[in-house]
Amino acid sequence: DTIERDDLLAHVVEVGQRFRDGLAGHPRVTDITGRGLFLGVVLADPVAAEIMKAALSAGPIVNAPTPDRLRIVPPLILTAEQADDAVAILRGLLDTVSVAESSA
């Protein structure tokens, strides 16, 4: 009932698309896989673990299932504003984390 009443599926698609739109086009992002709010961000460099560690202290919780992939699985009730904030943080980390840091 809650899923239908709150139109949760449409919300998940919309907020997931905000993540896709916000991260796509970054030079370090080669692909974004998944659906809704279950996303995998494929990176050009093996820096996922370093980004995961930095993101945890900055706010967003992501994990690194492989050296070149971030997994994003936020709660389904994440707001569009919260998604935008997370994207901004992740883009900043993608800009600043170096390959040398990840191999240290």
PDB file of N, CA and C in Angstrom:
ATOM      1  N   ASP A   1       0.819  -1.198   0.000  1.00  0.00           N
ATOM      2  CA  ASP A   1       0.000   0.000   0.000  1.00  0.00           C
ATOM      3  C   ASP A   1       0.865   1.265   0.000  1.00  0.00           C
ATOM      4  N   THR A   2       1.915   1.266   0.824  1.00  0.00           N
ATOM      5  CA  THR A   2       2.789   2.439   0.917  1.00  0.00           C
ATOM      6  C   THR A   2       3.490   2.706  -0.411  1.00  0.00           C
ATOM      7  N   ILE A   3       3.937   1.659  -1.057  1.00  0.00           N
ATOM      8  CA  ILE A   3       4.624   1.823  -2.341  1.00  0.00           C
ATOM      9  C   ILE A   3       3.711   2.503  -3.343  1.00  0.00           C
ATOM     10  N   GLU A   4       2.476   2.080  -3.401  1.00  0.00           N
ATOM     11  CA  GLU A   4       1.531   2.684  -4.342  1.00  0.00           C
ATOM     12  C   GLU A   4       1.089   4.069  -3.884  1.00  0.00           C
ATOM     13  N   ARG A   5       0.743   4.202  -2.615  1.00  0.00           N
ATOM     14  CA  ARG A   5       0.239   5.482  -2.100  1.00  0.00           C
ATOM     15  C   ARG A   5       1.265   6.596  -2.255  1.00  0.00           C
ATOM     16  N   ASP A   6       2.521   6.288  -1.949  1.00  0.00           N
ATOM     17  CA  ASP A   6       3.575   7.297  -2.008  1.00  0.00           C
ATOM     18  C   ASP A   6       4.265   7.357  -3.359  1.00  0.00           C
ATOM     19  N   ASP A   7       3.786   6.548  -4.309  1.00  0.00           N
ATOM     20  CA  ASP A   7       4.373   6.490  -5.656  1.00  0.00           C
ATOM     21  C   ASP A   7       5.889   6.297  -5.573  1.00  0.00           C
ATOM     22  N   LEU A   8       6.281   5.362  -4.726  1.00  0.00           N
ATOM     23  CA  LEU A   8       7.692   5.130  -4.427  1.00  0.00           C
ATOM     24  C   LEU A   8       8.496   4.707  -5.648  1.00  0.00           C
ATOM     25  N   LEU A   9       7.916   3.908  -6.525  1.00  0.00           N
ATOM     26  CA  LEU A   9       8.669   3.451  -7.695  1.00  0.00           C
ATOM     27  C   LEU A   9       9.033   4.611  -8.616  1.00  0.00           C
ATOM     28  N   ALA A  10       8.092   5.511  -8.837  1.00  0.00           N
ATOM     29  CA  ALA A  10       8.396   6.685  -9.670  1.00  0.00           C
ATOM     30  C   ALA A  10       9.454   7.553  -9.001  1.00  0.00           C
ATOM     31  N   HIS A  11       9.375   7.676  -7.692  1.00  0.00           N
ATOM     32  CA  HIS A  11      10.360   8.464  -6.944  1.00  0.00           C
ATOM     33  C   HIS A  11      11.758   7.868  -7.107  1.00  0.00           C
ATOM     34  N   VAL A  12      11.860   6.543  -6.977  1.00  0.00           N
ATOM     35  CA  VAL A  12      13.153   5.861  -7.094  1.00  0.00           C
ATOM     36  C   VAL A  12      13.736   6.069  -8.491  1.00  0.00           C
ATOM     37  N   VAL A  13      12.922   5.971  -9.515  1.00  0.00           N
ATOM     38  CA  VAL A  13      13.395   6.187 -10.888  1.00  0.00           C
ATOM     39  C   VAL A  13      13.889   7.620 -11.049  1.00  0.00           C
ATOM     40  N   GLU A  14      13.124   8.574 -10.533  1.00  0.00           N
ATOM     41  CA  GLU A  14      13.493   9.993 -10.668  1.00  0.00           C
ATOM     42  C   GLU A  14      14.801  10.311  -9.938  1.00  0.00           C
ATOM     43  N   VAL A  15      14.921   9.853  -8.711  1.00  0.00           N
ATOM     44  CA  VAL A  15      16.116  10.166  -7.931  1.00  0.00           C
ATOM     45  C   VAL A  15      17.328   9.408  -8.493  1.00  0.00           C
ATOM     46  N   GLY A  16      17.119   8.185  -8.938  1.00  0.00           N
ATOM     47  CA  GLY A  16      18.204   7.439  -9.580  1.00  0.00           C
ATOM     48  C   GLY A  16      18.709   8.147 -10.823  1.00  0.00           C
ATOM     49  N   GLN A  17      17.791   8.739 -11.571  1.00  0.00           N
ATOM     50  CA  GLN A  17      18.192   9.472 -12.776  1.00  0.00           C
ATOM     51  C   GLN A  17      19.009  10.699 -12.411  1.00  0.00           C
ATOM     52  N   ARG A  18      18.751  11.306 -11.280  1.00  0.00           N
ATOM     53  CA  ARG A  18      19.558  12.447 -10.825  1.00  0.00           C
ATOM     54  C   ARG A  18      21.006  12.018 -10.596  1.00  0.00           C
ATOM     55  N   PHE A  19      21.188  10.828  -9.989  1.00  0.00           N
ATOM     56  CA  PHE A  19      22.544  10.299  -9.820  1.00  0.00           C
ATOM     57  C   PHE A  19      23.194  10.088 -11.181  1.00  0.00           C
ATOM     58  N   ARG A  20      22.480   9.442 -12.082  1.00  0.00           N
ATOM     59  CA  ARG A  20      23.029   9.173 -13.421  1.00  0.00           C
ATOM     60  C   ARG A  20      23.421  10.474 -14.123  1.00  0.00           C
ATOM     61  N   ASP A  21      22.490  11.421 -14.153  1.00  0.00           N
ATOM     62  CA  ASP A  21      22.745  12.689 -14.839  1.00  0.00           C
ATOM     63  C   ASP A  21      23.903  13.449 -14.203  1.00  0.00           C
ATOM     64  N   GLY A  22      23.983  13.383 -12.880  1.00  0.00           N
ATOM     65  CA  GLY A  22      25.028  14.128 -12.182  1.00  0.00           C
ATOM     66  C   GLY A  22      26.415  13.537 -12.321  1.00  0.00           C
ATOM     67  N   LEU A  23      26.497  12.210 -12.467  1.00  0.00           N
ATOM     68  CA  LEU A  23      27.805  11.561 -12.551  1.00  0.00           C
ATOM     69  C   LEU A  23      28.239  11.277 -13.983  1.00  0.00           C
ATOM     70  N   ALA A  24      27.279  11.104 -14.875  1.00  0.00           N
ATOM     71  CA  ALA A  24      27.613  10.843 -16.282  1.00  0.00           C
ATOM     72  C   ALA A  24      28.360  12.050 -16.853  1.00  0.00           C
ATOM     73  N   GLY A  25      29.279  11.779 -17.697  1.00  0.00           N
ATOM     74  CA  GLY A  25      30.034  12.859 -18.317  1.00  0.00           C
ATOM     75  C   GLY A  25      31.283  13.250 -17.547  1.00  0.00           C
ATOM     76  N   HIS A  26      31.413  12.776 -16.303  1.00  0.00           N
ATOM     77  CA  HIS A  26      32.657  13.046 -15.581  1.00  0.00           C
ATOM     78  C   HIS A  26      33.755  12.253 -16.270  1.00  0.00           C
ATOM     79  N   PRO A  27      34.927  12.842 -16.483  1.00  0.00           N
ATOM     80  CA  PRO A  27      35.997  12.148 -17.216  1.00  0.00           C
ATOM     81  C   PRO A  27      36.411  10.811 -16.605  1.00  0.00           C
ATOM     82  N   ARG A  28      36.210  10.638 -15.326  1.00  0.00           N
ATOM     83  CA  ARG A  28      36.613   9.398 -14.669  1.00  0.00           C
ATOM     84  C   ARG A  28      35.534   8.310 -14.718  1.00  0.00           C
ATOM     85  N   VAL A  29      34.315   8.674 -15.103  1.00  0.00           N
ATOM     86  CA  VAL A  29      33.199   7.734 -15.147  1.00  0.00           C
ATOM     87  C   VAL A  29      33.063   7.200 -16.568  1.00  0.00           C
ATOM     88  N   THR A  30      33.231   5.886 -16.726  1.00  0.00           N
ATOM     89  CA  THR A  30      33.133   5.297 -18.068  1.00  0.00           C
ATOM     90  C   THR A  30      31.772   4.680 -18.336  1.00  0.00           C
ATOM     91  N   ASP A  31      31.017   4.344 -17.274  1.00  0.00           N
ATOM     92  CA  ASP A  31      29.699   3.743 -17.448  1.00  0.00           C
ATOM     93  C   ASP A  31      28.961   3.800 -16.118  1.00  0.00           C
ATOM     94  N   ILE A  32      27.649   3.791 -16.202  1.00  0.00           N
ATOM     95  CA  ILE A  32      26.810   3.684 -15.016  1.00  0.00           C
ATOM     96  C   ILE A  32      25.808   2.576 -15.291  1.00  0.00           C
ATOM     97  N   THR A  33      25.832   1.563 -14.447  1.00  0.00           N
ATOM     98  CA  THR A  33      24.952   0.422 -14.630  1.00  0.00           C
ATOM     99  C   THR A  33      23.913   0.383 -13.517  1.00  0.00           C
ATOM    100  N   GLY A  34      22.925  -0.475 -13.685  1.00  0.00           N
ATOM    101  CA  GLY A  34      21.916  -0.659 -12.661  1.00  0.00           C
ATOM    102  C   GLY A  34      20.615   0.028 -13.001  1.00  0.00           C
ATOM    103  N   ARG A  35      19.706  -0.014 -12.035  1.00  0.00           N
ATOM    104  CA  ARG A  35      18.372   0.573 -12.191  1.00  0.00           C
ATOM    105  C   ARG A  35      17.978   1.315 -10.919  1.00  0.00           C
ATOM    106  N   GLY A  36      17.171   2.345 -11.104  1.00  0.00           N
ATOM    107  CA  GLY A  36      16.651   3.072  -9.955  1.00  0.00           C
ATOM    108  C   GLY A  36      17.771   3.576  -9.066  1.00  0.00           C
ATOM    109  N   LEU A  37      17.727   3.202  -7.807  1.00  0.00           N
ATOM    110  CA  LEU A  37      18.742   3.628  -6.857  1.00  0.00           C
ATOM    111  C   LEU A  37      19.749   2.524  -6.540  1.00  0.00           C
ATOM    112  N   PHE A  38      19.825   1.516  -7.378  1.00  0.00           N
ATOM    113  CA  PHE A  38      20.842   0.470  -7.248  1.00  0.00           C
ATOM    114  C   PHE A  38      21.780   0.655  -8.432  1.00  0.00           C
ATOM    115  N   LEU A  39      22.865   1.402  -8.222  1.00  0.00           N
ATOM    116  CA  LEU A  39      23.722   1.823  -9.320  1.00  0.00           C
ATOM    117  C   LEU A  39      25.170   1.380  -9.126  1.00  0.00           C
ATOM    118  N   GLY A  40      25.814   1.083 -10.234  1.00  0.00           N
ATOM    119  CA  GLY A  40      27.243   0.819 -10.261  1.00  0.00           C
ATOM    120  C   GLY A  40      27.906   1.867 -11.139  1.00  0.00           C
ATOM    121  N   VAL A  41      28.897   2.528 -10.610  1.00  0.00           N
ATOM    122  CA  VAL A  41      29.614   3.569 -11.343  1.00  0.00           C
ATOM    123  C   VAL A  41      30.974   2.998 -11.713  1.00  0.00           C
ATOM    124  N   VAL A  42      31.179   2.769 -13.019  1.00  0.00           N
ATOM    125  CA  VAL A  42      32.423   2.198 -13.514  1.00  0.00           C
ATOM    126  C   VAL A  42      33.412   3.333 -13.736  1.00  0.00           C
ATOM    127  N   LEU A  43      34.605   3.167 -13.165  1.00  0.00           N
ATOM    128  CA  LEU A  43      35.621   4.215 -13.214  1.00  0.00           C
ATOM    129  C   LEU A  43      36.743   3.863 -14.180  1.00  0.00           C
ATOM    130  N   ALA A  44      37.364   4.868 -14.729  1.00  0.00           N
ATOM    131  CA  ALA A  44      38.487   4.677 -15.649  1.00  0.00           C
ATOM    132  C   ALA A  44      39.750   4.253 -14.918  1.00  0.00           C
ATOM    133  N   ASP A  45      39.837   4.555 -13.633  1.00  0.00           N
ATOM    134  CA  ASP A  45      41.021   4.247 -12.826  1.00  0.00           C
ATOM    135  C   ASP A  45      40.619   3.383 -11.635  1.00  0.00           C
ATOM    136  N   PRO A  46      41.529   2.606 -11.086  1.00  0.00           N
ATOM    137  CA  PRO A  46      41.228   1.760  -9.923  1.00  0.00           C
ATOM    138  C   PRO A  46      41.287   2.542  -8.606  1.00  0.00           C
ATOM    139  N   VAL A  47      40.398   3.512  -8.451  1.00  0.00           N
ATOM    140  CA  VAL A  47      40.405   4.375  -7.270  1.00  0.00           C
ATOM    141  C   VAL A  47      39.144   4.228  -6.418  1.00  0.00           C
ATOM    142  N   ALA A  48      38.349   3.206  -6.666  1.00  0.00           N
ATOM    143  CA  ALA A  48      37.066   3.069  -5.974  1.00  0.00           C
ATOM    144  C   ALA A  48      37.231   2.970  -4.460  1.00  0.00           C
ATOM    145  N   ALA A  49      38.193   2.205  -3.988  1.00  0.00           N
ATOM    146  CA  ALA A  49      38.369   2.048  -2.540  1.00  0.00           C
ATOM    147  C   ALA A  49      38.723   3.380  -1.877  1.00  0.00           C
ATOM    148  N   GLU A  50      39.568   4.146  -2.514  1.00  0.00           N
ATOM    149  CA  GLU A  50      39.958   5.444  -1.954  1.00  0.00           C
ATOM    150  C   GLU A  50      38.772   6.409  -1.943  1.00  0.00           C
ATOM    151  N   ILE A  51      37.982   6.400  -3.012  1.00  0.00           N
ATOM    152  CA  ILE A  51      36.795   7.254  -3.059  1.00  0.00           C
ATOM    153  C   ILE A  51      35.798   6.808  -1.999  1.00  0.00           C
ATOM    154  N   MET A  52      35.641   5.499  -1.819  1.00  0.00           N
ATOM    155  CA  MET A  52      34.736   4.976  -0.802  1.00  0.00           C
ATOM    156  C   MET A  52      35.128   5.491   0.583  1.00  0.00           C
ATOM    157  N   LYS A  53      36.410   5.417   0.918  1.00  0.00           N
ATOM    158  CA  LYS A  53      36.882   5.884   2.230  1.00  0.00           C
ATOM    159  C   LYS A  53      36.649   7.382   2.404  1.00  0.00           C
ATOM    160  N   ALA A  54      36.973   8.147   1.382  1.00  0.00           N
ATOM    161  CA  ALA A  54      36.800   9.597   1.465  1.00  0.00           C
ATOM    162  C   ALA A  54      35.320   9.970   1.524  1.00  0.00           C
ATOM    163  N   ALA A  55      34.490   9.248   0.789  1.00  0.00           N
ATOM    164  CA  ALA A  55      33.051   9.541   0.793  1.00  0.00           C
ATOM    165  C   ALA A  55      32.443   9.286   2.161  1.00  0.00           C
ATOM    166  N   LEU A  56      32.880   8.253   2.825  1.00  0.00           N
ATOM    167  CA  LEU A  56      32.327   7.925   4.134  1.00  0.00           C
ATOM    168  C   LEU A  56      32.515   9.072   5.121  1.00  0.00           C
ATOM    169  N   SER A  57      33.677   9.696   5.101  1.00  0.00           N
ATOM    170  CA  SER A  57      33.888  10.824   6.008  1.00  0.00           C
ATOM    171  C   SER A  57      33.209  12.102   5.505  1.00  0.00           C
ATOM    172  N   ALA A  58      32.884  12.156   4.212  1.00  0.00           N
ATOM    173  CA  ALA A  58      32.233  13.336   3.649  1.00  0.00           C
ATOM    174  C   ALA A  58      30.708  13.245   3.688  1.00  0.00           C
ATOM    175  N   GLY A  59      30.174  12.043   3.888  1.00  0.00           N
ATOM    176  CA  GLY A  59      28.716  11.917   3.967  1.00  0.00           C
ATOM    177  C   GLY A  59      28.135  10.716   3.251  1.00  0.00           C
ATOM    178  N   PRO A  60      28.271  10.631   1.922  1.00  0.00           N
ATOM    179  CA  PRO A  60      27.631   9.518   1.211  1.00  0.00           C
ATOM    180  C   PRO A  60      28.269   8.167   1.556  1.00  0.00           C
ATOM    181  N   ILE A  61      27.428   7.168   1.684  1.00  0.00           N
ATOM    182  CA  ILE A  61      27.921   5.816   1.917  1.00  0.00           C
ATOM    183  C   ILE A  61      27.857   5.068   0.595  1.00  0.00           C
ATOM    184  N   VAL A  62      29.018   4.728   0.077  1.00  0.00           N
ATOM    185  CA  VAL A  62      29.139   3.936  -1.147  1.00  0.00           C
ATOM    186  C   VAL A  62      30.108   2.806  -0.834  1.00  0.00           C
ATOM    187  N   ASN A  63      30.120   1.783  -1.660  1.00  0.00           N
ATOM    188  CA  ASN A  63      31.141   0.774  -1.456  1.00  0.00           C
ATOM    189  C   ASN A  63      31.837   0.481  -2.763  1.00  0.00           C
ATOM    190  N   ALA A  64      32.935  -0.236  -2.659  1.00  0.00           N
ATOM    191  CA  ALA A  64      33.795  -0.511  -3.808  1.00  0.00           C
ATOM    192  C   ALA A  64      33.888  -2.027  -4.006  1.00  0.00           C
ATOM    193  N   PRO A  65      32.974  -2.620  -4.764  1.00  0.00           N
ATOM    194  CA  PRO A  65      33.025  -4.067  -4.959  1.00  0.00           C
ATOM    195  C   PRO A  65      34.213  -4.519  -5.798  1.00  0.00           C
ATOM    196  N   THR A  66      34.737  -3.632  -6.628  1.00  0.00           N
ATOM    197  CA  THR A  66      35.945  -3.896  -7.408  1.00  0.00           C
ATOM    198  C   THR A  66      36.784  -2.629  -7.395  1.00  0.00           C
ATOM    199  N   PRO A  67      38.052  -2.709  -7.770  1.00  0.00           N
ATOM    200  CA  PRO A  67      38.905  -1.517  -7.731  1.00  0.00           C
ATOM    201  C   PRO A  67      38.428  -0.370  -8.625  1.00  0.00           C
ATOM    202  N   ASP A  68      37.646  -0.689  -9.650  1.00  0.00           N
ATOM    203  CA  ASP A  68      37.218   0.359 -10.574  1.00  0.00           C
ATOM    204  C   ASP A  68      35.701   0.547 -10.613  1.00  0.00           C
ATOM    205  N   ARG A  69      35.009   0.181  -9.529  1.00  0.00           N
ATOM    206  CA  ARG A  69      33.554   0.334  -9.501  1.00  0.00           C
ATOM    207  C   ARG A  69      33.082   0.756  -8.123  1.00  0.00           C
ATOM    208  N   LEU A  70      32.219   1.773  -8.134  1.00  0.00           N
ATOM    209  CA  LEU A  70      31.531   2.200  -6.923  1.00  0.00           C
ATOM    210  C   LEU A  70      30.098   1.690  -6.975  1.00  0.00           C
ATOM    211  N   ARG A  71      29.612   1.209  -5.867  1.00  0.00           N
ATOM    212  CA  ARG A  71      28.210   0.796  -5.773  1.00  0.00           C
ATOM    213  C   ARG A  71      27.483   1.838  -4.937  1.00  0.00           C
ATOM    214  N   ILE A  72      26.368   2.323  -5.485  1.00  0.00           N
ATOM    215  CA  ILE A  72      25.538   3.312  -4.804  1.00  0.00           C
ATOM    216  C   ILE A  72      24.173   2.672  -4.579  1.00  0.00           C
ATOM    217  N   VAL A  73      23.796   2.519  -3.321  1.00  0.00           N
ATOM    218  CA  VAL A  73      22.499   1.930  -2.980  1.00  0.00           C
ATOM    219  C   VAL A  73      21.924   2.703  -1.790  1.00  0.00           C
ATOM    220  N   PRO A  74      21.451   3.923  -2.037  1.00  0.00           N
ATOM    221  CA  PRO A  74      20.901   4.718  -0.934  1.00  0.00           C
ATOM    222  C   PRO A  74      19.498   4.235  -0.561  1.00  0.00           C
ATOM    223  N   PRO A  75      18.970   4.714   0.551  1.00  0.00           N
ATOM    224  CA  PRO A  75      17.595   4.355   0.917  1.00  0.00           C
ATOM    225  C   PRO A  75      16.611   4.857  -0.135  1.00  0.00           C
ATOM    226  N   LEU A  76      15.538   4.121  -0.319  1.00  0.00           N
ATOM    227  CA  LEU A  76      14.556   4.477  -1.343  1.00  0.00           C
ATOM    228  C   LEU A  76      13.839   5.781  -1.048  1.00  0.00           C
ATOM    229  N   ILE A  77      13.926   6.266   0.173  1.00  0.00           N
ATOM    230  CA  ILE A  77      13.268   7.526   0.538  1.00  0.00           C
ATOM    231  C   ILE A  77      14.208   8.729   0.420  1.00  0.00           C
ATOM    232  N   LEU A  78      15.395   8.518  -0.154  1.00  0.00           N
ATOM    233  CA  LEU A  78      16.336   9.613  -0.366  1.00  0.00           C
ATOM    234  C   LEU A  78      15.655  10.725  -1.158  1.00  0.00           C
ATOM    235  N   THR A  79      15.827  11.958  -0.737  1.00  0.00           N
ATOM    236  CA  THR A  79      15.205  13.076  -1.454  1.00  0.00           C
ATOM    237  C   THR A  79      16.074  13.497  -2.640  1.00  0.00           C
ATOM    238  N   ALA A  80      15.472  14.223  -3.550  1.00  0.00           N
ATOM    239  CA  ALA A  80      16.216  14.744  -4.700  1.00  0.00           C
ATOM    240  C   ALA A  80      17.345  15.661  -4.228  1.00  0.00           C
ATOM    241  N   GLU A  81      17.082  16.462  -3.217  1.00  0.00           N
ATOM    242  CA  GLU A  81      18.111  17.366  -2.693  1.00  0.00           C
ATOM    243  C   GLU A  81      19.280  16.570  -2.092  1.00  0.00           C
ATOM    244  N   GLN A  82      18.976  15.522  -1.347  1.00  0.00           N
ATOM    245  CA  GLN A  82      20.026  14.685  -0.776  1.00  0.00           C
ATOM    246  C   GLN A  82      20.838  14.006  -1.879  1.00  0.00           C
ATOM    247  N   ALA A  83      20.165  13.578  -2.930  1.00  0.00           N
ATOM    248  CA  ALA A  83      20.871  12.965  -4.064  1.00  0.00           C
ATOM    249  C   ALA A  83      21.800  13.981  -4.719  1.00  0.00           C
ATOM    250  N   ASP A  84      21.315  15.189  -4.905  1.00  0.00           N
ATOM    251  CA  ASP A  84      22.152  16.235  -5.510  1.00  0.00           C
ATOM    252  C   ASP A  84      23.379  16.530  -4.644  1.00  0.00           C
ATOM    253  N   ASP A  85      23.185  16.555  -3.333  1.00  0.00           N
ATOM    254  CA  ASP A  85      24.312  16.771  -2.419  1.00  0.00           C
ATOM    255  C   ASP A  85      25.329  15.643  -2.529  1.00  0.00           C
ATOM    256  N   ALA A  86      24.839  14.403  -2.586  1.00  0.00           N
ATOM    257  CA  ALA A  86      25.733  13.248  -2.704  1.00  0.00           C
ATOM    258  C   ALA A  86      26.493  13.281  -4.023  1.00  0.00           C
ATOM    259  N   VAL A  87      25.818  13.639  -5.095  1.00  0.00           N
ATOM    260  CA  VAL A  87      26.470  13.733  -6.403  1.00  0.00           C
ATOM    261  C   VAL A  87      27.570  14.785  -6.369  1.00  0.00           C
ATOM    262  N   ALA A  88      27.288  15.925  -5.770  1.00  0.00           N
ATOM    263  CA  ALA A  88      28.299  16.991  -5.690  1.00  0.00           C
ATOM    264  C   ALA A  88      29.530  16.512  -4.923  1.00  0.00           C
ATOM    265  N   ILE A  89      29.309  15.809  -3.824  1.00  0.00           N
ATOM    266  CA  ILE A  89      30.431  15.283  -3.041  1.00  0.00           C
ATOM    267  C   ILE A  89      31.210  14.259  -3.855  1.00  0.00           C
ATOM    268  N   LEU A  90      30.508  13.333  -4.494  1.00  0.00           N
ATOM    269  CA  LEU A  90      31.181  12.294  -5.278  1.00  0.00           C
ATOM    270  C   LEU A  90      31.950  12.887  -6.459  1.00  0.00           C
ATOM    271  N   ARG A  91      31.369  13.869  -7.133  1.00  0.00           N
ATOM    272  CA  ARG A  91      32.085  14.520  -8.237  1.00  0.00           C
ATOM    273  C   ARG A  91      33.360  15.186  -7.729  1.00  0.00           C
ATOM    274  N   GLY A  92      33.270  15.828  -6.572  1.00  0.00           N
ATOM    275  CA  GLY A  92      34.455  16.446  -5.993  1.00  0.00           C
ATOM    276  C   GLY A  92      35.527  15.417  -5.679  1.00  0.00           C
ATOM    277  N   LEU A  93      35.120  14.274  -5.146  1.00  0.00           N
ATOM    278  CA  LEU A  93      36.088  13.223  -4.851  1.00  0.00           C
ATOM    279  C   LEU A  93      36.671  12.635  -6.132  1.00  0.00           C
ATOM    280  N   LEU A  94      35.849  12.478  -7.142  1.00  0.00           N
ATOM    281  CA  LEU A  94      36.350  11.988  -8.429  1.00  0.00           C
ATOM    282  C   LEU A  94      37.397  12.940  -9.001  1.00  0.00           C
ATOM    283  N   ASP A  95      37.221  14.223  -8.733  1.00  0.00           N
ATOM    284  CA  ASP A  95      38.173  15.231  -9.215  1.00  0.00           C
ATOM    285  C   ASP A  95      39.488  15.216  -8.440  1.00  0.00           C
ATOM    286  N   THR A  96      39.441  14.840  -7.164  1.00  0.00           N
ATOM    287  CA  THR A  96      40.615  15.032  -6.324  1.00  0.00           C
ATOM    288  C   THR A  96      41.402  13.779  -5.973  1.00  0.00           C
ATOM    289  N   VAL A  97      40.768  12.620  -5.954  1.00  0.00           N
ATOM    290  CA  VAL A  97      41.476  11.400  -5.586  1.00  0.00           C
ATOM    291  C   VAL A  97      42.389  10.993  -6.724  1.00  0.00           C
ATOM    292  N   SER A  98      43.646  10.706  -6.395  1.00  0.00           N
ATOM    293  CA  SER A  98      44.607  10.344  -7.435  1.00  0.00           C
ATOM    294  C   SER A  98      44.849   8.850  -7.456  1.00  0.00           C
ATOM    295  N   VAL A  99      45.308   8.365  -8.576  1.00  0.00           N
ATOM    296  CA  VAL A  99      45.638   6.949  -8.737  1.00  0.00           C
ATOM    297  C   VAL A  99      46.756   6.573  -7.763  1.00  0.00           C
ATOM    298  N   ALA A 100      47.695   7.467  -7.519  1.00  0.00           N
ATOM    299  CA  ALA A 100      48.797   7.200  -6.595  1.00  0.00           C
ATOM    300  C   ALA A 100      48.287   6.928  -5.192  1.00  0.00           C
ATOM    301  N   GLU A 101      47.227   7.665  -4.762  1.00  0.00           N
ATOM    302  CA  GLU A 101      46.654   7.451  -3.427  1.00  0.00           C
ATOM    303  C   GLU A 101      46.093   6.047  -3.299  1.00  0.00           C
ATOM    304  N   SER A 102      45.457   5.562  -4.352  1.00  0.00           N
ATOM    305  CA  SER A 102      44.805   4.257  -4.267  1.00  0.00           C
ATOM    306  C   SER A 102      45.771   3.111  -4.226  1.00  0.00           C
ATOM    307  N   SER A 103      46.989   3.315  -4.703  1.00  0.00           N
ATOM    308  CA  SER A 103      47.982   2.225  -4.671  1.00  0.00           C
ATOM    309  C   SER A 103      48.883   2.302  -3.447  1.00  0.00           C
ATOM    310  N   ALA A 104      48.708   3.333  -2.630  1.00  0.00           N
ATOM    311  CA  ALA A 104      49.546   3.489  -1.428  1.00  0.00           C
ATOM    312  C   ALA A 104      49.092   2.589  -0.304  1.00  0.00           C
TER     313      ALA A 104
END
